[in-house]
N, C-alpha and C. Protein backbone atom coordinates (compact mmCIF):
# COMPACT_ATOMS: atom_id res chain seq x y z
N MET A 1 0.85 -1.19 0.00
CA MET A 1 0.00 0.00 0.00
C MET A 1 0.88 1.23 0.00
N THR A 2 0.57 2.17 -0.85
CA THR A 2 1.35 3.40 -0.97
C THR A 2 0.74 4.49 -0.10
N ASP A 3 1.57 5.22 0.60
CA ASP A 3 1.11 6.36 1.39
C ASP A 3 0.84 7.52 0.44
N VAL A 4 -0.40 8.01 0.43
CA VAL A 4 -0.74 9.13 -0.46
C VAL A 4 -0.86 10.44 0.32
N SER A 5 -0.30 10.49 1.52
CA SER A 5 -0.40 11.71 2.31
C SER A 5 0.42 12.84 1.71
N ALA A 6 1.41 12.51 0.89
CA ALA A 6 2.20 13.53 0.23
C ALA A 6 2.49 13.06 -1.18
N PRO A 7 2.43 13.96 -2.15
CA PRO A 7 2.71 13.55 -3.52
C PRO A 7 4.16 13.13 -3.66
N SER A 8 4.42 12.25 -4.63
CA SER A 8 5.78 11.80 -4.84
C SER A 8 6.62 12.87 -5.52
N THR A 9 5.98 13.85 -6.08
CA THR A 9 6.69 14.95 -6.74
C THR A 9 5.87 16.22 -6.61
N VAL A 10 6.53 17.34 -6.68
CA VAL A 10 5.80 18.61 -6.65
C VAL A 10 5.95 19.33 -7.98
N GLN A 11 6.30 18.60 -9.01
CA GLN A 11 6.34 19.17 -10.35
C GLN A 11 4.91 19.36 -10.85
N PRO A 12 4.66 20.33 -11.72
CA PRO A 12 3.31 20.52 -12.23
C PRO A 12 2.78 19.25 -12.89
N ALA A 13 1.56 18.89 -12.56
CA ALA A 13 0.92 17.72 -13.15
C ALA A 13 0.45 18.07 -14.55
N THR A 14 0.64 17.13 -15.48
CA THR A 14 0.28 17.45 -16.86
C THR A 14 -0.74 16.51 -17.46
N ALA A 15 -0.91 15.31 -16.92
CA ALA A 15 -1.79 14.34 -17.55
C ALA A 15 -3.22 14.86 -17.69
N PHE A 16 -3.71 15.61 -16.72
CA PHE A 16 -5.07 16.12 -16.76
C PHE A 16 -5.14 17.60 -17.08
N ALA A 17 -4.04 18.30 -16.98
CA ALA A 17 -4.06 19.77 -17.08
C ALA A 17 -4.69 20.28 -18.37
N ALA A 18 -4.45 19.62 -19.49
CA ALA A 18 -4.98 20.10 -20.76
C ALA A 18 -6.51 20.03 -20.81
N ASP A 19 -7.10 19.12 -20.06
CA ASP A 19 -8.55 18.93 -20.09
C ASP A 19 -9.29 19.72 -19.01
N LEU A 20 -8.58 20.48 -18.23
CA LEU A 20 -9.22 21.20 -17.13
C LEU A 20 -9.75 22.55 -17.60
N PRO A 21 -10.89 22.97 -17.01
CA PRO A 21 -11.40 24.31 -17.30
C PRO A 21 -10.54 25.35 -16.60
N PRO A 22 -10.79 26.63 -16.85
CA PRO A 22 -10.02 27.67 -16.18
C PRO A 22 -10.16 27.60 -14.66
N ALA A 23 -9.09 27.98 -13.98
CA ALA A 23 -9.10 28.08 -12.52
C ALA A 23 -9.21 29.57 -12.17
N LEU A 24 -10.12 29.89 -11.26
CA LEU A 24 -10.35 31.27 -10.85
C LEU A 24 -9.98 31.43 -9.39
N ALA A 25 -9.07 32.35 -9.11
CA ALA A 25 -8.69 32.68 -7.74
C ALA A 25 -9.11 34.11 -7.46
N THR A 26 -9.72 34.32 -6.30
CA THR A 26 -10.17 35.66 -5.93
C THR A 26 -9.71 36.01 -4.52
N PRO A 27 -8.39 36.14 -4.32
CA PRO A 27 -7.95 36.59 -2.99
C PRO A 27 -8.48 38.00 -2.76
N PRO A 28 -8.57 38.43 -1.52
CA PRO A 28 -9.11 39.78 -1.25
C PRO A 28 -8.43 40.85 -2.10
N GLY A 29 -9.26 41.62 -2.80
CA GLY A 29 -8.77 42.75 -3.57
C GLY A 29 -8.16 42.41 -4.91
N ALA A 30 -8.26 41.16 -5.36
CA ALA A 30 -7.63 40.78 -6.62
C ALA A 30 -8.41 39.65 -7.27
N GLY A 31 -8.03 39.34 -8.48
CA GLY A 31 -8.61 38.22 -9.19
C GLY A 31 -7.66 37.77 -10.28
N ALA A 32 -7.65 36.47 -10.53
CA ALA A 32 -6.81 35.93 -11.59
C ALA A 32 -7.44 34.65 -12.11
N VAL A 33 -7.13 34.36 -13.35
CA VAL A 33 -7.60 33.14 -13.98
C VAL A 33 -6.38 32.42 -14.55
N CYS A 34 -6.43 31.10 -14.55
CA CYS A 34 -5.36 30.30 -15.13
C CYS A 34 -6.00 29.25 -16.02
N ASP A 35 -5.61 29.26 -17.28
CA ASP A 35 -6.10 28.26 -18.23
C ASP A 35 -4.89 27.69 -18.97
N GLY A 36 -5.11 27.06 -20.08
CA GLY A 36 -4.02 26.47 -20.84
C GLY A 36 -2.99 27.47 -21.32
N SER A 37 -3.35 28.75 -21.34
CA SER A 37 -2.43 29.80 -21.78
C SER A 37 -1.62 30.39 -20.64
N GLY A 38 -1.90 29.96 -19.41
CA GLY A 38 -1.19 30.48 -18.25
C GLY A 38 -2.08 31.33 -17.37
N ALA A 39 -1.48 31.90 -16.33
CA ALA A 39 -2.21 32.70 -15.35
C ALA A 39 -2.09 34.19 -15.68
N ARG A 40 -3.19 34.91 -15.41
CA ARG A 40 -3.19 36.35 -15.64
C ARG A 40 -4.21 37.02 -14.71
N LYS A 41 -3.88 38.25 -14.31
CA LYS A 41 -4.80 39.03 -13.49
C LYS A 41 -6.00 39.43 -14.33
N ILE A 42 -7.15 39.51 -13.69
CA ILE A 42 -8.36 39.99 -14.35
C ILE A 42 -9.12 40.88 -13.38
N GLY A 43 -9.94 41.75 -13.91
CA GLY A 43 -10.76 42.62 -13.10
C GLY A 43 -11.99 41.90 -12.56
N ARG A 44 -12.72 42.59 -11.70
CA ARG A 44 -13.89 41.99 -11.07
C ARG A 44 -14.95 41.58 -12.10
N GLY A 45 -15.21 42.41 -13.09
CA GLY A 45 -16.20 42.08 -14.11
C GLY A 45 -15.82 40.84 -14.89
N ALA A 46 -14.55 40.75 -15.25
CA ALA A 46 -14.08 39.55 -15.97
C ALA A 46 -14.15 38.33 -15.07
N ALA A 47 -13.82 38.50 -13.78
CA ALA A 47 -13.90 37.38 -12.84
C ALA A 47 -15.34 36.88 -12.70
N GLU A 48 -16.29 37.80 -12.64
CA GLU A 48 -17.71 37.41 -12.60
C GLU A 48 -18.08 36.64 -13.86
N GLY A 49 -17.60 37.10 -15.00
CA GLY A 49 -17.87 36.41 -16.26
C GLY A 49 -17.32 35.00 -16.28
N VAL A 50 -16.11 34.81 -15.76
CA VAL A 50 -15.52 33.47 -15.69
C VAL A 50 -16.32 32.60 -14.73
N PHE A 51 -16.68 33.18 -13.58
CA PHE A 51 -17.41 32.44 -12.54
C PHE A 51 -18.79 31.97 -13.03
N LEU A 52 -19.46 32.82 -13.79
CA LEU A 52 -20.82 32.53 -14.22
C LEU A 52 -20.92 32.00 -15.65
N GLY A 53 -19.83 32.05 -16.40
CA GLY A 53 -19.90 31.81 -17.83
C GLY A 53 -19.65 30.41 -18.34
N GLY A 54 -19.51 29.44 -17.49
CA GLY A 54 -19.24 28.08 -17.96
C GLY A 54 -18.40 27.34 -16.95
N ALA A 55 -17.82 26.24 -17.37
CA ALA A 55 -17.03 25.42 -16.46
C ALA A 55 -15.87 26.22 -15.90
N VAL A 56 -15.69 26.14 -14.58
CA VAL A 56 -14.63 26.87 -13.89
C VAL A 56 -14.25 26.11 -12.62
N MET A 57 -12.97 26.16 -12.28
CA MET A 57 -12.49 25.57 -11.02
C MET A 57 -12.27 26.69 -10.01
N VAL A 58 -12.68 26.44 -8.78
CA VAL A 58 -12.50 27.40 -7.70
C VAL A 58 -12.11 26.65 -6.43
N ALA A 59 -11.71 27.39 -5.44
CA ALA A 59 -11.53 26.85 -4.09
C ALA A 59 -12.56 27.55 -3.22
N HIS A 60 -13.57 26.82 -2.78
CA HIS A 60 -14.64 27.34 -1.93
C HIS A 60 -15.57 28.24 -2.75
N ALA A 61 -16.50 27.61 -3.44
CA ALA A 61 -17.41 28.31 -4.37
C ALA A 61 -18.21 29.42 -3.69
N SER A 62 -18.70 29.17 -2.48
CA SER A 62 -19.51 30.19 -1.80
C SER A 62 -18.68 31.42 -1.46
N LEU A 63 -17.47 31.22 -0.96
CA LEU A 63 -16.61 32.36 -0.64
C LEU A 63 -16.20 33.11 -1.90
N THR A 64 -15.92 32.39 -2.96
CA THR A 64 -15.59 33.03 -4.23
C THR A 64 -16.75 33.92 -4.69
N ALA A 65 -17.97 33.40 -4.60
CA ALA A 65 -19.15 34.18 -4.98
C ALA A 65 -19.27 35.44 -4.12
N ARG A 66 -19.10 35.28 -2.81
CA ARG A 66 -19.19 36.44 -1.91
C ARG A 66 -18.16 37.51 -2.27
N ARG A 67 -16.95 37.08 -2.56
CA ARG A 67 -15.90 38.05 -2.92
C ARG A 67 -16.23 38.78 -4.21
N LEU A 68 -17.03 38.16 -5.06
CA LEU A 68 -17.44 38.79 -6.31
C LEU A 68 -18.76 39.55 -6.17
N GLY A 69 -19.33 39.56 -4.96
CA GLY A 69 -20.60 40.24 -4.74
C GLY A 69 -21.79 39.49 -5.30
N LEU A 70 -21.66 38.17 -5.43
CA LEU A 70 -22.71 37.33 -6.00
C LEU A 70 -23.30 36.41 -4.94
N SER A 71 -24.47 35.88 -5.24
CA SER A 71 -25.07 34.87 -4.37
C SER A 71 -24.31 33.55 -4.55
N PRO A 72 -24.31 32.72 -3.51
CA PRO A 72 -23.67 31.42 -3.66
C PRO A 72 -24.27 30.67 -4.85
N PRO A 73 -23.45 30.01 -5.62
CA PRO A 73 -23.95 29.34 -6.83
C PRO A 73 -24.72 28.06 -6.49
N PRO A 74 -25.70 27.71 -7.31
CA PRO A 74 -26.36 26.41 -7.12
C PRO A 74 -25.41 25.30 -7.54
N ARG A 75 -25.71 24.09 -7.13
CA ARG A 75 -24.91 22.94 -7.57
C ARG A 75 -24.98 22.88 -9.08
N SER A 76 -23.85 22.64 -9.70
CA SER A 76 -23.77 22.61 -11.15
C SER A 76 -22.56 21.79 -11.57
N THR A 77 -22.67 21.10 -12.68
CA THR A 77 -21.51 20.36 -13.19
C THR A 77 -20.45 21.30 -13.74
N ASP A 78 -20.79 22.58 -13.92
CA ASP A 78 -19.81 23.57 -14.38
C ASP A 78 -18.98 24.16 -13.25
N MET A 79 -19.43 24.02 -12.01
CA MET A 79 -18.73 24.60 -10.87
C MET A 79 -17.91 23.50 -10.20
N LEU A 80 -16.62 23.49 -10.49
CA LEU A 80 -15.73 22.46 -9.97
C LEU A 80 -14.94 23.01 -8.79
N ASP A 81 -15.37 22.67 -7.60
CA ASP A 81 -14.68 23.14 -6.39
C ASP A 81 -13.56 22.15 -6.07
N VAL A 82 -12.33 22.62 -6.16
CA VAL A 82 -11.17 21.75 -5.97
C VAL A 82 -11.10 21.24 -4.53
N LEU A 83 -11.70 21.95 -3.59
CA LEU A 83 -11.76 21.46 -2.21
C LEU A 83 -12.58 20.18 -2.12
N GLU A 84 -13.65 20.07 -2.90
CA GLU A 84 -14.44 18.83 -2.94
C GLU A 84 -13.59 17.68 -3.47
N LEU A 85 -12.82 17.95 -4.51
CA LEU A 85 -11.95 16.91 -5.06
C LEU A 85 -10.90 16.49 -4.03
N TYR A 86 -10.33 17.45 -3.32
CA TYR A 86 -9.36 17.14 -2.27
C TYR A 86 -9.99 16.23 -1.21
N ALA A 87 -11.19 16.58 -0.77
CA ALA A 87 -11.87 15.78 0.26
C ALA A 87 -12.16 14.36 -0.23
N PHE A 88 -12.41 14.21 -1.52
CA PHE A 88 -12.67 12.88 -2.08
C PHE A 88 -11.38 12.06 -2.18
N VAL A 89 -10.33 12.68 -2.69
CA VAL A 89 -9.07 11.95 -2.91
C VAL A 89 -8.33 11.72 -1.60
N ARG A 90 -8.41 12.66 -0.68
CA ARG A 90 -7.70 12.57 0.60
C ARG A 90 -8.68 12.78 1.76
N PRO A 91 -9.60 11.84 1.94
CA PRO A 91 -10.62 12.02 2.98
C PRO A 91 -10.02 12.17 4.38
N ALA A 92 -10.66 13.01 5.16
CA ALA A 92 -10.32 13.23 6.57
C ALA A 92 -8.92 13.80 6.76
N ARG A 93 -8.41 14.50 5.75
CA ARG A 93 -7.10 15.16 5.89
C ARG A 93 -7.32 16.66 5.82
N PHE A 94 -6.60 17.37 6.66
CA PHE A 94 -6.79 18.81 6.75
C PHE A 94 -6.30 19.54 5.51
N CYS A 95 -7.06 20.56 5.14
CA CYS A 95 -6.67 21.48 4.07
C CYS A 95 -7.39 22.80 4.32
N ALA A 96 -6.63 23.87 4.46
CA ALA A 96 -7.26 25.18 4.61
C ALA A 96 -8.03 25.48 3.32
N PRO A 97 -9.23 26.07 3.43
CA PRO A 97 -10.11 26.25 2.26
C PRO A 97 -9.72 27.42 1.35
N SER A 98 -8.60 27.26 0.66
CA SER A 98 -8.12 28.30 -0.25
C SER A 98 -7.13 27.69 -1.23
N PRO A 99 -6.81 28.41 -2.31
CA PRO A 99 -5.76 27.90 -3.20
C PRO A 99 -4.43 27.70 -2.47
N SER A 100 -4.11 28.61 -1.56
CA SER A 100 -2.87 28.46 -0.79
C SER A 100 -2.93 27.22 0.10
N GLY A 101 -4.07 27.00 0.73
CA GLY A 101 -4.24 25.82 1.56
C GLY A 101 -4.08 24.53 0.78
N LEU A 102 -4.65 24.50 -0.42
CA LEU A 102 -4.50 23.32 -1.28
C LEU A 102 -3.04 23.11 -1.64
N ALA A 103 -2.36 24.17 -2.02
CA ALA A 103 -0.94 24.04 -2.39
C ALA A 103 -0.13 23.49 -1.22
N LEU A 104 -0.33 24.04 -0.05
CA LEU A 104 0.42 23.57 1.12
C LEU A 104 0.06 22.13 1.48
N ALA A 105 -1.21 21.78 1.40
CA ALA A 105 -1.63 20.41 1.71
C ALA A 105 -1.05 19.39 0.73
N LEU A 106 -0.73 19.84 -0.47
CA LEU A 106 -0.17 18.96 -1.49
C LEU A 106 1.36 19.01 -1.53
N GLY A 107 1.97 19.68 -0.55
CA GLY A 107 3.41 19.70 -0.46
C GLY A 107 4.10 20.72 -1.34
N ARG A 108 3.35 21.67 -1.83
CA ARG A 108 3.91 22.73 -2.67
C ARG A 108 4.16 23.97 -1.82
N SER A 109 4.88 24.91 -2.37
CA SER A 109 5.11 26.15 -1.64
C SER A 109 3.86 27.02 -1.72
N GLU A 110 3.76 27.95 -0.76
CA GLU A 110 2.59 28.83 -0.71
C GLU A 110 2.63 29.81 -1.88
N PRO A 111 1.57 29.85 -2.68
CA PRO A 111 1.54 30.79 -3.81
C PRO A 111 1.31 32.21 -3.32
N LYS A 112 2.09 33.13 -3.84
CA LYS A 112 1.97 34.55 -3.47
C LYS A 112 1.36 35.31 -4.63
N GLY A 113 0.27 36.00 -4.40
CA GLY A 113 -0.38 36.79 -5.43
C GLY A 113 -1.48 36.01 -6.14
N ALA A 114 -2.37 36.75 -6.77
CA ALA A 114 -3.55 36.16 -7.41
C ALA A 114 -3.18 35.21 -8.54
N GLU A 115 -2.23 35.59 -9.40
CA GLU A 115 -1.87 34.72 -10.52
C GLU A 115 -1.28 33.40 -10.02
N ALA A 116 -0.42 33.47 -9.02
CA ALA A 116 0.18 32.26 -8.46
C ALA A 116 -0.89 31.38 -7.81
N GLN A 117 -1.90 32.00 -7.19
CA GLN A 117 -2.97 31.21 -6.58
C GLN A 117 -3.82 30.52 -7.64
N ALA A 118 -4.10 31.21 -8.75
CA ALA A 118 -4.87 30.58 -9.83
C ALA A 118 -4.08 29.40 -10.41
N GLN A 119 -2.78 29.59 -10.60
CA GLN A 119 -1.93 28.49 -11.11
C GLN A 119 -1.89 27.34 -10.11
N ALA A 120 -1.78 27.66 -8.82
CA ALA A 120 -1.75 26.63 -7.78
C ALA A 120 -3.06 25.84 -7.76
N LEU A 121 -4.16 26.50 -7.99
CA LEU A 121 -5.46 25.83 -8.01
C LEU A 121 -5.54 24.85 -9.17
N ARG A 122 -5.09 25.27 -10.33
CA ARG A 122 -5.07 24.39 -11.51
C ARG A 122 -4.13 23.20 -11.28
N ASP A 123 -2.95 23.47 -10.73
CA ASP A 123 -1.99 22.39 -10.45
C ASP A 123 -2.56 21.42 -9.42
N ALA A 124 -3.24 21.94 -8.40
CA ALA A 124 -3.81 21.09 -7.36
C ALA A 124 -4.84 20.13 -7.97
N ALA A 125 -5.70 20.63 -8.83
CA ALA A 125 -6.71 19.76 -9.46
C ALA A 125 -6.03 18.67 -10.29
N ALA A 126 -5.04 19.03 -11.08
CA ALA A 126 -4.33 18.05 -11.89
C ALA A 126 -3.61 17.03 -11.01
N ASP A 127 -2.96 17.50 -9.94
CA ASP A 127 -2.26 16.59 -9.02
C ASP A 127 -3.23 15.59 -8.41
N LEU A 128 -4.37 16.07 -7.94
CA LEU A 128 -5.35 15.20 -7.29
C LEU A 128 -5.94 14.18 -8.26
N LEU A 129 -6.24 14.60 -9.48
CA LEU A 129 -6.75 13.67 -10.48
C LEU A 129 -5.70 12.63 -10.85
N ASN A 130 -4.45 13.06 -10.98
CA ASN A 130 -3.36 12.11 -11.24
C ASN A 130 -3.20 11.13 -10.09
N GLU A 131 -3.30 11.63 -8.86
CA GLU A 131 -3.19 10.76 -7.68
C GLU A 131 -4.29 9.71 -7.68
N LEU A 132 -5.50 10.13 -7.99
CA LEU A 132 -6.64 9.21 -8.00
C LEU A 132 -6.48 8.12 -9.06
N THR A 133 -5.86 8.43 -10.18
CA THR A 133 -5.71 7.44 -11.25
C THR A 133 -4.43 6.62 -11.13
N ASP A 134 -3.59 6.92 -10.16
CA ASP A 134 -2.37 6.15 -9.94
C ASP A 134 -2.74 4.72 -9.54
N PRO A 135 -2.20 3.72 -10.23
CA PRO A 135 -2.52 2.33 -9.87
C PRO A 135 -2.22 2.00 -8.40
N ALA A 136 -1.33 2.73 -7.76
CA ALA A 136 -1.00 2.47 -6.36
C ALA A 136 -1.95 3.17 -5.39
N TYR A 137 -2.92 3.95 -5.88
CA TYR A 137 -3.84 4.66 -5.00
C TYR A 137 -4.65 3.64 -4.18
N PRO A 138 -4.62 3.74 -2.85
CA PRO A 138 -5.35 2.78 -2.02
C PRO A 138 -6.86 2.84 -2.27
N GLY A 139 -7.48 1.71 -2.47
CA GLY A 139 -8.92 1.68 -2.67
C GLY A 139 -9.35 2.28 -3.99
N ARG A 140 -8.47 2.25 -4.96
CA ARG A 140 -8.71 2.91 -6.25
C ARG A 140 -10.01 2.46 -6.90
N GLU A 141 -10.24 1.15 -6.97
CA GLU A 141 -11.45 0.66 -7.63
C GLU A 141 -12.71 1.09 -6.89
N ASN A 142 -12.67 1.07 -5.58
CA ASN A 142 -13.81 1.54 -4.80
C ASN A 142 -14.04 3.04 -5.02
N ALA A 143 -12.95 3.79 -5.11
CA ALA A 143 -13.07 5.24 -5.35
C ALA A 143 -13.70 5.50 -6.72
N PHE A 144 -13.30 4.73 -7.73
CA PHE A 144 -13.88 4.92 -9.06
C PHE A 144 -15.36 4.55 -9.09
N THR A 145 -15.72 3.50 -8.37
CA THR A 145 -17.13 3.12 -8.29
C THR A 145 -17.94 4.23 -7.62
N LEU A 146 -17.42 4.75 -6.51
CA LEU A 146 -18.10 5.84 -5.81
C LEU A 146 -18.16 7.09 -6.68
N ALA A 147 -17.07 7.41 -7.37
CA ALA A 147 -17.08 8.59 -8.24
C ALA A 147 -18.11 8.44 -9.35
N GLY A 148 -18.28 7.23 -9.88
CA GLY A 148 -19.30 6.99 -10.90
C GLY A 148 -20.70 7.23 -10.35
N THR A 149 -20.93 6.76 -9.13
CA THR A 149 -22.23 6.98 -8.49
C THR A 149 -22.45 8.47 -8.25
N LEU A 150 -21.43 9.16 -7.77
CA LEU A 150 -21.55 10.60 -7.55
C LEU A 150 -21.75 11.35 -8.86
N ASP A 151 -21.12 10.87 -9.93
CA ASP A 151 -21.30 11.48 -11.25
C ASP A 151 -22.77 11.39 -11.67
N ARG A 152 -23.37 10.23 -11.49
CA ARG A 152 -24.79 10.07 -11.85
C ARG A 152 -25.69 10.95 -10.99
N ALA A 153 -25.20 11.30 -9.79
CA ALA A 153 -25.97 12.18 -8.90
C ALA A 153 -25.69 13.66 -9.17
N GLY A 154 -24.76 13.94 -10.13
CA GLY A 154 -24.51 15.32 -10.50
C GLY A 154 -23.23 15.93 -9.94
N TRP A 155 -22.35 15.11 -9.34
CA TRP A 155 -21.10 15.65 -8.81
C TRP A 155 -20.23 16.12 -9.95
N SER A 156 -19.76 17.34 -9.89
CA SER A 156 -19.03 17.94 -11.01
C SER A 156 -17.71 17.24 -11.32
N TRP A 157 -17.08 16.62 -10.36
CA TRP A 157 -15.80 15.94 -10.61
C TRP A 157 -15.98 14.49 -11.07
N GLY A 158 -17.18 13.95 -10.96
CA GLY A 158 -17.41 12.54 -11.26
C GLY A 158 -16.99 12.11 -12.65
N SER A 159 -17.26 12.92 -13.64
CA SER A 159 -16.92 12.55 -15.02
C SER A 159 -15.46 12.83 -15.35
N ARG A 160 -14.72 13.43 -14.43
CA ARG A 160 -13.32 13.79 -14.69
C ARG A 160 -12.35 12.88 -13.95
N ARG A 161 -12.81 11.73 -13.51
CA ARG A 161 -11.98 10.86 -12.70
C ARG A 161 -10.96 10.07 -13.51
N GLY A 162 -11.07 10.08 -14.83
CA GLY A 162 -10.11 9.36 -15.68
C GLY A 162 -10.44 7.89 -15.78
N PRO A 163 -9.58 7.13 -16.44
CA PRO A 163 -9.84 5.70 -16.61
C PRO A 163 -9.63 4.92 -15.33
N ALA A 164 -10.44 3.90 -15.15
CA ALA A 164 -10.32 3.06 -13.94
C ALA A 164 -9.11 2.17 -14.01
């Protein structure tokens, strides 16, 4: 059995990165998005557009909405909260509810600034999906079965679990 409490590497994950939607980070007073073209600062209006305009990854959807002056979003397959993915892949393990918290929980350095947080959020999602698909992941088949059930129930990460 392999210990998955810490990743074997802290290099950017690439197997899933190309298929991920944009990551939106909204630290107080700033906003940034990270997609396949890299991370960049964006204004509040653009951040609202990313948040409401289609598939997007965030850390703590309700807090992100509040920071944008919006109501908490309804459950949607377009709203991918990376904290939910963390809780699924690493159940009962602590993670502060932010892009920085995810980076630290995954053994990476703390991202400084909005662009670094958006990149960290994207990297965290890719790392977690790669971890879940690693043949050495404990309980991998059970996790895939559960993810399939959650997918049918509308869990946004269910269809992104990769091959069993």
